[in-house]
């Protein structure tokens, strides 16, 4: 079950990244060109947040099943010195939860703004911050914190 969850979590990461990048592109284009905030733009905003929340659910399930995380919490003092265990035990989940909070707040604020320009600007700002945090928190093959393959 753990491998299936991990593979799903790895796959959905790409959906989160693509949806965030596309949302930011739409928001930047809408803001810079003073376009109307259409129903399609609102759906993109909504689905970006929804995909991120689905990823959060996958992440929580993986976190609860992960042998690395279990090791980290059972051997906290020793494991804290191991960067790989510390990354998955604390750093990854903390940063990803923070990013999800930014996506959720940004989505909610953008939905409630009155002007189209404010909606696009709010969406772009909050989603950009979330994307930066996510890029730091993903265990890329080149990451100094923890290294994993692009695809499981």
N, C-alpha and C. Protein backbone atom coordinates (compact mmCIF):
# COMPACT_ATOMS: atom_id res chain seq x y z
N UNK A 1 0.82 -1.19 0.00
CA UNK A 1 0.00 0.00 0.00
C UNK A 1 0.88 1.27 0.00
N UNK A 2 1.96 1.22 0.77
CA UNK A 2 2.84 2.39 0.87
C UNK A 2 3.41 2.78 -0.49
N UNK A 3 3.88 1.79 -1.26
CA UNK A 3 4.45 2.08 -2.58
C UNK A 3 3.41 2.69 -3.52
N UNK A 4 2.18 2.22 -3.46
CA UNK A 4 1.11 2.78 -4.28
C UNK A 4 0.83 4.23 -3.90
N UNK A 5 0.74 4.49 -2.61
CA UNK A 5 0.53 5.86 -2.14
C UNK A 5 1.68 6.77 -2.55
N UNK A 6 2.89 6.27 -2.41
CA UNK A 6 4.08 7.04 -2.75
C UNK A 6 4.12 7.36 -4.25
N UNK A 7 3.75 6.38 -5.06
CA UNK A 7 3.70 6.61 -6.51
C UNK A 7 2.63 7.63 -6.87
N UNK A 8 1.47 7.52 -6.22
CA UNK A 8 0.40 8.51 -6.44
C UNK A 8 0.83 9.90 -6.02
N UNK A 9 1.48 9.98 -4.88
CA UNK A 9 1.97 11.26 -4.38
C UNK A 9 3.00 11.86 -5.34
N UNK A 10 3.88 11.03 -5.86
CA UNK A 10 4.88 11.48 -6.81
C UNK A 10 4.24 11.97 -8.11
N UNK A 11 3.22 11.25 -8.58
CA UNK A 11 2.53 11.64 -9.82
C UNK A 11 1.75 12.94 -9.65
N UNK A 12 1.01 13.06 -8.56
CA UNK A 12 0.17 14.24 -8.35
C UNK A 12 1.02 15.49 -8.16
N UNK A 13 2.27 15.31 -7.73
CA UNK A 13 3.17 16.47 -7.61
C UNK A 13 3.26 17.23 -8.93
N UNK A 14 3.32 16.48 -10.04
CA UNK A 14 3.43 17.12 -11.35
C UNK A 14 2.16 17.86 -11.70
N UNK A 15 1.01 17.33 -11.29
CA UNK A 15 -0.26 18.04 -11.52
C UNK A 15 -0.30 19.34 -10.72
N UNK A 16 0.18 19.29 -9.49
CA UNK A 16 0.23 20.50 -8.66
C UNK A 16 1.13 21.55 -9.31
N UNK A 17 2.32 21.13 -9.71
CA UNK A 17 3.25 22.08 -10.32
C UNK A 17 2.70 22.66 -11.61
N UNK A 18 2.15 21.82 -12.47
CA UNK A 18 1.58 22.30 -13.74
C UNK A 18 0.40 23.23 -13.51
N UNK A 19 -0.48 22.87 -12.59
CA UNK A 19 -1.64 23.72 -12.34
C UNK A 19 -1.23 25.06 -11.72
N UNK A 20 -0.25 25.05 -10.83
CA UNK A 20 0.25 26.30 -10.25
C UNK A 20 0.89 27.18 -11.32
N UNK A 21 1.74 26.57 -12.15
CA UNK A 21 2.39 27.35 -13.21
C UNK A 21 1.36 27.93 -14.18
N UNK A 22 0.38 27.13 -14.56
CA UNK A 22 -0.65 27.61 -15.48
C UNK A 22 -1.50 28.71 -14.83
N UNK A 23 -1.85 28.52 -13.57
CA UNK A 23 -2.61 29.56 -12.84
C UNK A 23 -1.84 30.86 -12.76
N UNK A 24 -0.55 30.75 -12.51
CA UNK A 24 0.28 31.95 -12.42
C UNK A 24 0.40 32.63 -13.77
N UNK A 25 0.51 31.84 -14.82
CA UNK A 25 0.55 32.40 -16.18
C UNK A 25 -0.75 33.15 -16.49
N UNK A 26 -1.87 32.51 -16.20
CA UNK A 26 -3.19 33.13 -16.43
C UNK A 26 -3.31 34.41 -15.60
N UNK A 27 -2.89 34.35 -14.35
CA UNK A 27 -3.00 35.51 -13.46
C UNK A 27 -2.10 36.65 -13.93
N UNK A 28 -0.87 36.32 -14.31
CA UNK A 28 0.05 37.36 -14.78
C UNK A 28 -0.47 38.00 -16.07
N UNK A 29 -0.91 37.17 -16.98
CA UNK A 29 -1.44 37.66 -18.25
C UNK A 29 -2.68 38.53 -18.00
N UNK A 30 -3.58 38.06 -17.16
CA UNK A 30 -4.79 38.82 -16.86
C UNK A 30 -4.51 40.14 -16.19
N UNK A 31 -3.56 40.14 -15.25
CA UNK A 31 -3.20 41.36 -14.54
C UNK A 31 -2.49 42.35 -15.46
N UNK A 32 -1.51 41.87 -16.20
CA UNK A 32 -0.70 42.77 -17.03
C UNK A 32 -1.48 43.31 -18.24
N UNK A 33 -2.41 42.52 -18.75
CA UNK A 33 -3.17 42.96 -19.92
C UNK A 33 -4.55 43.49 -19.54
N UNK A 34 -4.81 43.57 -18.24
CA UNK A 34 -6.09 44.09 -17.71
C UNK A 34 -7.29 43.36 -18.35
N UNK A 35 -7.21 42.05 -18.33
CA UNK A 35 -8.27 41.21 -18.88
C UNK A 35 -9.38 41.00 -17.85
N UNK A 36 -10.57 40.66 -18.29
CA UNK A 36 -11.63 40.33 -17.33
C UNK A 36 -11.36 38.96 -16.69
N UNK A 37 -11.73 38.84 -15.45
CA UNK A 37 -11.59 37.58 -14.71
C UNK A 37 -12.81 36.73 -15.05
N UNK A 38 -12.61 35.77 -15.94
CA UNK A 38 -13.73 35.00 -16.48
C UNK A 38 -14.06 33.79 -15.61
N UNK A 39 -15.13 33.13 -15.98
CA UNK A 39 -15.52 31.90 -15.30
C UNK A 39 -14.42 30.84 -15.44
N UNK A 40 -13.77 30.80 -16.59
CA UNK A 40 -12.66 29.87 -16.82
C UNK A 40 -11.50 30.16 -15.87
N UNK A 41 -11.18 31.44 -15.69
CA UNK A 41 -10.11 31.83 -14.77
C UNK A 41 -10.45 31.39 -13.34
N UNK A 42 -11.71 31.55 -12.98
CA UNK A 42 -12.15 31.14 -11.65
C UNK A 42 -12.05 29.63 -11.49
N UNK A 43 -12.39 28.88 -12.53
CA UNK A 43 -12.27 27.42 -12.47
C UNK A 43 -10.81 26.99 -12.34
N UNK A 44 -9.93 27.67 -13.03
CA UNK A 44 -8.50 27.36 -12.94
C UNK A 44 -8.01 27.62 -11.51
N UNK A 45 -8.43 28.74 -10.94
CA UNK A 45 -8.08 29.06 -9.55
C UNK A 45 -8.59 27.96 -8.62
N UNK A 46 -9.84 27.59 -8.79
CA UNK A 46 -10.47 26.59 -7.93
C UNK A 46 -9.79 25.22 -8.07
N UNK A 47 -9.55 24.78 -9.31
CA UNK A 47 -8.96 23.46 -9.52
C UNK A 47 -7.50 23.39 -9.09
N UNK A 48 -6.80 24.49 -9.16
CA UNK A 48 -5.43 24.51 -8.65
C UNK A 48 -5.43 24.24 -7.15
N UNK A 49 -6.31 24.91 -6.43
CA UNK A 49 -6.41 24.68 -4.98
C UNK A 49 -6.89 23.26 -4.69
N UNK A 50 -7.82 22.76 -5.47
CA UNK A 50 -8.34 21.41 -5.26
C UNK A 50 -7.27 20.35 -5.49
N UNK A 51 -6.50 20.49 -6.55
CA UNK A 51 -5.41 19.54 -6.83
C UNK A 51 -4.37 19.59 -5.70
N UNK A 52 -4.08 20.77 -5.20
CA UNK A 52 -3.13 20.90 -4.09
C UNK A 52 -3.67 20.20 -2.84
N UNK A 53 -4.96 20.30 -2.60
CA UNK A 53 -5.55 19.64 -1.43
C UNK A 53 -5.58 18.11 -1.59
N UNK A 54 -5.78 17.64 -2.80
CA UNK A 54 -5.70 16.20 -3.06
C UNK A 54 -4.28 15.71 -2.78
N UNK A 55 -3.31 16.48 -3.21
CA UNK A 55 -1.91 16.14 -2.94
C UNK A 55 -1.64 16.13 -1.44
N UNK A 56 -2.23 17.05 -0.72
CA UNK A 56 -2.08 17.08 0.74
C UNK A 56 -2.60 15.79 1.36
N UNK A 57 -3.75 15.31 0.89
CA UNK A 57 -4.29 14.06 1.42
C UNK A 57 -3.35 12.88 1.13
N UNK A 58 -2.85 12.80 -0.11
CA UNK A 58 -1.86 11.78 -0.44
C UNK A 58 -0.65 11.91 0.48
N UNK A 59 -0.19 13.12 0.68
CA UNK A 59 0.98 13.36 1.51
C UNK A 59 0.79 12.93 2.95
N UNK A 60 -0.36 13.20 3.50
CA UNK A 60 -0.63 12.80 4.89
C UNK A 60 -0.65 11.28 5.00
N UNK A 61 -1.26 10.62 4.02
CA UNK A 61 -1.28 9.14 4.03
C UNK A 61 0.13 8.57 3.90
N UNK A 62 0.93 9.14 3.01
CA UNK A 62 2.32 8.68 2.85
C UNK A 62 3.09 8.94 4.14
N UNK A 63 2.89 10.11 4.73
CA UNK A 63 3.60 10.47 5.96
C UNK A 63 3.30 9.46 7.08
N UNK A 64 2.04 9.06 7.20
CA UNK A 64 1.66 8.13 8.27
C UNK A 64 2.21 6.73 8.03
N UNK A 65 2.48 6.36 6.78
CA UNK A 65 2.97 5.02 6.44
C UNK A 65 4.48 4.94 6.24
N UNK A 66 5.12 6.06 6.09
CA UNK A 66 6.53 6.11 5.72
C UNK A 66 7.45 5.48 6.76
N UNK A 67 8.29 4.53 6.33
CA UNK A 67 9.27 3.96 7.27
C UNK A 67 10.32 4.99 7.72
N UNK A 68 10.64 5.94 6.86
CA UNK A 68 11.60 6.99 7.23
C UNK A 68 11.02 7.86 8.34
N UNK A 69 9.76 8.23 8.20
CA UNK A 69 9.11 9.07 9.21
C UNK A 69 8.94 8.30 10.51
N UNK A 70 8.57 7.05 10.41
CA UNK A 70 8.44 6.23 11.62
C UNK A 70 9.78 6.13 12.35
N UNK A 71 10.84 5.91 11.59
CA UNK A 71 12.18 5.88 12.18
C UNK A 71 12.50 7.22 12.85
N UNK A 72 12.18 8.30 12.15
CA UNK A 72 12.47 9.63 12.68
C UNK A 72 11.80 9.84 14.05
N UNK A 73 10.53 9.50 14.18
CA UNK A 73 9.82 9.75 15.43
C UNK A 73 10.19 8.74 16.52
N UNK A 74 10.60 7.55 16.15
CA UNK A 74 11.03 6.56 17.16
C UNK A 74 12.43 6.86 17.69
N UNK A 75 13.28 7.43 16.84
CA UNK A 75 14.68 7.70 17.20
C UNK A 75 14.99 9.18 17.00
N UNK A 76 14.18 10.01 17.56
CA UNK A 76 14.22 11.44 17.29
C UNK A 76 15.61 12.05 17.44
N UNK A 77 16.29 11.78 18.52
CA UNK A 77 17.60 12.42 18.76
C UNK A 77 18.64 12.01 17.74
N UNK A 78 18.72 10.73 17.44
CA UNK A 78 19.68 10.26 16.43
C UNK A 78 19.24 10.64 15.03
N UNK A 79 17.95 10.48 14.76
CA UNK A 79 17.41 10.74 13.42
C UNK A 79 17.50 12.21 13.06
N UNK A 80 17.43 13.08 14.04
CA UNK A 80 17.50 14.51 13.76
C UNK A 80 18.83 14.90 13.13
N UNK A 81 19.86 14.13 13.40
CA UNK A 81 21.18 14.38 12.83
C UNK A 81 21.30 13.85 11.39
N UNK A 82 20.37 13.00 11.00
CA UNK A 82 20.34 12.44 9.65
C UNK A 82 19.48 13.36 8.78
N UNK A 83 20.10 14.01 7.80
CA UNK A 83 19.38 15.00 6.98
C UNK A 83 18.20 14.40 6.23
N UNK A 84 18.36 13.20 5.71
CA UNK A 84 17.28 12.54 4.98
C UNK A 84 16.07 12.31 5.90
N UNK A 85 16.31 11.77 7.08
CA UNK A 85 15.22 11.52 8.02
C UNK A 85 14.60 12.83 8.52
N UNK A 86 15.43 13.81 8.79
CA UNK A 86 14.92 15.12 9.24
C UNK A 86 14.09 15.79 8.16
N UNK A 87 14.55 15.65 6.92
CA UNK A 87 13.81 16.26 5.82
C UNK A 87 12.40 15.71 5.75
N UNK A 88 12.26 14.38 5.73
CA UNK A 88 10.93 13.79 5.60
C UNK A 88 10.15 13.80 6.90
N UNK A 89 10.83 13.79 8.03
CA UNK A 89 10.14 13.81 9.32
C UNK A 89 9.57 15.17 9.69
N UNK A 90 10.25 16.25 9.30
CA UNK A 90 9.84 17.59 9.72
C UNK A 90 9.79 18.59 8.56
N UNK A 91 10.88 18.75 7.87
CA UNK A 91 11.03 19.85 6.91
C UNK A 91 10.02 19.76 5.77
N UNK A 92 9.93 18.61 5.13
CA UNK A 92 9.05 18.44 3.97
C UNK A 92 7.59 18.71 4.35
N UNK A 93 7.12 18.09 5.41
CA UNK A 93 5.71 18.25 5.76
C UNK A 93 5.41 19.68 6.21
N UNK A 94 6.34 20.29 6.96
CA UNK A 94 6.12 21.67 7.41
C UNK A 94 6.05 22.64 6.23
N UNK A 95 6.99 22.53 5.30
CA UNK A 95 7.00 23.42 4.14
C UNK A 95 5.79 23.18 3.23
N UNK A 96 5.44 21.94 3.03
CA UNK A 96 4.29 21.64 2.17
C UNK A 96 2.98 22.11 2.80
N UNK A 97 2.83 21.93 4.09
CA UNK A 97 1.63 22.46 4.76
C UNK A 97 1.57 23.98 4.64
N UNK A 98 2.72 24.61 4.78
CA UNK A 98 2.78 26.07 4.62
C UNK A 98 2.38 26.48 3.21
N UNK A 99 2.87 25.76 2.21
CA UNK A 99 2.53 26.07 0.82
C UNK A 99 1.03 25.88 0.57
N UNK A 100 0.45 24.82 1.13
CA UNK A 100 -0.98 24.59 0.96
C UNK A 100 -1.78 25.72 1.62
N UNK A 101 -1.32 26.19 2.74
CA UNK A 101 -1.99 27.32 3.41
C UNK A 101 -1.94 28.55 2.50
N UNK A 102 -0.80 28.82 1.89
CA UNK A 102 -0.68 29.96 0.97
C UNK A 102 -1.60 29.80 -0.23
N UNK A 103 -1.69 28.61 -0.78
CA UNK A 103 -2.58 28.36 -1.92
C UNK A 103 -4.03 28.57 -1.51
N UNK A 104 -4.39 28.05 -0.35
CA UNK A 104 -5.77 28.15 0.13
C UNK A 104 -6.15 29.60 0.41
N UNK A 105 -5.28 30.32 1.09
CA UNK A 105 -5.54 31.73 1.38
C UNK A 105 -5.61 32.54 0.09
N UNK A 106 -4.65 32.31 -0.79
CA UNK A 106 -4.63 33.03 -2.06
C UNK A 106 -5.88 32.78 -2.88
N UNK A 107 -6.31 31.53 -2.93
CA UNK A 107 -7.51 31.19 -3.68
C UNK A 107 -8.74 31.85 -3.07
N UNK A 108 -8.85 31.77 -1.76
CA UNK A 108 -10.01 32.37 -1.07
C UNK A 108 -10.02 33.90 -1.20
N UNK A 109 -8.87 34.53 -1.06
CA UNK A 109 -8.81 35.98 -1.19
C UNK A 109 -9.12 36.43 -2.62
N UNK A 110 -8.56 35.71 -3.59
CA UNK A 110 -8.80 36.08 -4.99
C UNK A 110 -10.28 35.98 -5.33
N UNK A 111 -10.93 34.96 -4.81
CA UNK A 111 -12.35 34.77 -5.08
C UNK A 111 -13.19 35.93 -4.54
N UNK A 112 -12.75 36.51 -3.45
CA UNK A 112 -13.53 37.55 -2.78
C UNK A 112 -13.20 38.98 -3.22
N UNK A 113 -12.14 39.15 -3.98
CA UNK A 113 -11.77 40.50 -4.44
C UNK A 113 -12.84 41.02 -5.39
N UNK A 114 -13.00 42.33 -5.39
CA UNK A 114 -14.06 42.93 -6.20
C UNK A 114 -13.64 43.17 -7.65
N UNK A 115 -12.42 43.66 -7.83
CA UNK A 115 -12.01 43.97 -9.20
C UNK A 115 -11.25 42.79 -9.81
N UNK A 116 -11.34 42.69 -11.12
CA UNK A 116 -10.64 41.62 -11.84
C UNK A 116 -9.13 41.75 -11.66
N UNK A 117 -8.64 42.97 -11.69
CA UNK A 117 -7.21 43.21 -11.52
C UNK A 117 -6.73 42.70 -10.16
N UNK A 118 -7.51 42.96 -9.12
CA UNK A 118 -7.16 42.49 -7.77
C UNK A 118 -7.19 40.97 -7.68
N UNK A 119 -8.15 40.36 -8.36
CA UNK A 119 -8.25 38.90 -8.35
C UNK A 119 -7.00 38.27 -8.96
N UNK A 120 -6.62 38.76 -10.13
CA UNK A 120 -5.43 38.23 -10.80
C UNK A 120 -4.18 38.50 -9.97
N UNK A 121 -4.05 39.69 -9.44
CA UNK A 121 -2.86 40.06 -8.67
C UNK A 121 -2.74 39.20 -7.41
N UNK A 122 -3.84 39.03 -6.71
CA UNK A 122 -3.85 38.23 -5.48
C UNK A 122 -3.50 36.78 -5.79
N UNK A 123 -4.10 36.24 -6.82
CA UNK A 123 -3.83 34.86 -7.21
C UNK A 123 -2.35 34.69 -7.56
N UNK A 124 -1.81 35.60 -8.35
CA UNK A 124 -0.41 35.50 -8.76
C UNK A 124 0.53 35.57 -7.56
N UNK A 125 0.29 36.51 -6.68
CA UNK A 125 1.18 36.71 -5.53
C UNK A 125 1.19 35.49 -4.60
N UNK A 126 0.05 35.04 -4.16
CA UNK A 126 -0.04 33.93 -3.21
C UNK A 126 0.42 32.61 -3.82
N UNK A 127 0.03 32.37 -5.06
CA UNK A 127 0.44 31.12 -5.73
C UNK A 127 1.94 31.12 -6.01
N UNK A 128 2.53 32.29 -6.28
CA UNK A 128 3.98 32.38 -6.50
C UNK A 128 4.75 32.03 -5.24
N UNK A 129 4.30 32.56 -4.12
CA UNK A 129 4.96 32.25 -2.85
C UNK A 129 4.87 30.75 -2.56
N UNK A 130 3.68 30.19 -2.78
CA UNK A 130 3.49 28.75 -2.57
C UNK A 130 4.40 27.94 -3.48
N UNK A 131 4.52 28.35 -4.73
CA UNK A 131 5.36 27.61 -5.68
C UNK A 131 6.84 27.63 -5.25
N UNK A 132 7.31 28.75 -4.77
CA UNK A 132 8.70 28.84 -4.29
C UNK A 132 8.92 27.88 -3.12
N UNK A 133 7.98 27.86 -2.20
CA UNK A 133 8.09 26.96 -1.04
C UNK A 133 8.07 25.50 -1.51
N UNK A 134 7.18 25.19 -2.45
CA UNK A 134 7.08 23.82 -2.96
C UNK A 134 8.37 23.41 -3.65
N UNK A 135 8.96 24.30 -4.44
CA UNK A 135 10.22 23.97 -5.11
C UNK A 135 11.32 23.64 -4.11
N UNK A 136 11.34 24.34 -3.00
CA UNK A 136 12.33 24.06 -1.95
C UNK A 136 12.03 22.72 -1.28
N UNK A 137 10.76 22.41 -1.08
CA UNK A 137 10.36 21.24 -0.29
C UNK A 137 10.31 19.93 -1.07
N UNK A 138 10.33 19.98 -2.39
CA UNK A 138 10.31 18.74 -3.17
C UNK A 138 11.69 18.11 -3.12
N UNK A 139 11.76 16.79 -2.89
CA UNK A 139 13.07 16.12 -2.88
C UNK A 139 13.55 15.82 -4.31
N UNK A 140 13.96 16.85 -5.00
CA UNK A 140 14.45 16.72 -6.37
C UNK A 140 15.72 15.86 -6.39
N UNK A 141 16.04 15.26 -7.53
CA UNK A 141 17.29 14.49 -7.62
C UNK A 141 18.53 15.35 -7.34
N UNK A 142 18.44 16.65 -7.56
CA UNK A 142 19.58 17.55 -7.36
C UNK A 142 19.54 18.29 -6.02
N UNK A 143 18.54 18.01 -5.20
CA UNK A 143 18.37 18.73 -3.93
C UNK A 143 19.44 18.34 -2.92
N UNK A 144 19.99 19.33 -2.21
CA UNK A 144 20.96 19.01 -1.16
C UNK A 144 20.28 18.48 0.11
N UNK A 145 18.98 18.67 0.24
CA UNK A 145 18.27 18.24 1.44
C UNK A 145 17.92 16.76 1.42
N UNK A 146 17.30 16.33 0.34
CA UNK A 146 16.93 14.91 0.16
C UNK A 146 16.74 14.68 -1.33
N UNK A 147 17.24 13.59 -1.81
CA UNK A 147 17.23 13.33 -3.23
C UNK A 147 16.36 12.11 -3.56
N UNK A 148 15.41 12.30 -4.47
CA UNK A 148 14.56 11.23 -4.96
C UNK A 148 14.41 11.37 -6.46
N UNK A 149 14.02 10.31 -7.16
CA UNK A 149 13.88 10.41 -8.63
C UNK A 149 12.70 11.29 -9.02
N UNK A 150 12.72 11.75 -10.27
CA UNK A 150 11.62 12.57 -10.78
C UNK A 150 10.31 11.79 -10.80
N UNK A 151 10.38 10.50 -11.12
CA UNK A 151 9.20 9.66 -11.19
C UNK A 151 9.43 8.40 -10.38
N UNK A 152 8.42 7.95 -9.69
CA UNK A 152 8.49 6.70 -8.91
C UNK A 152 7.99 5.57 -9.75
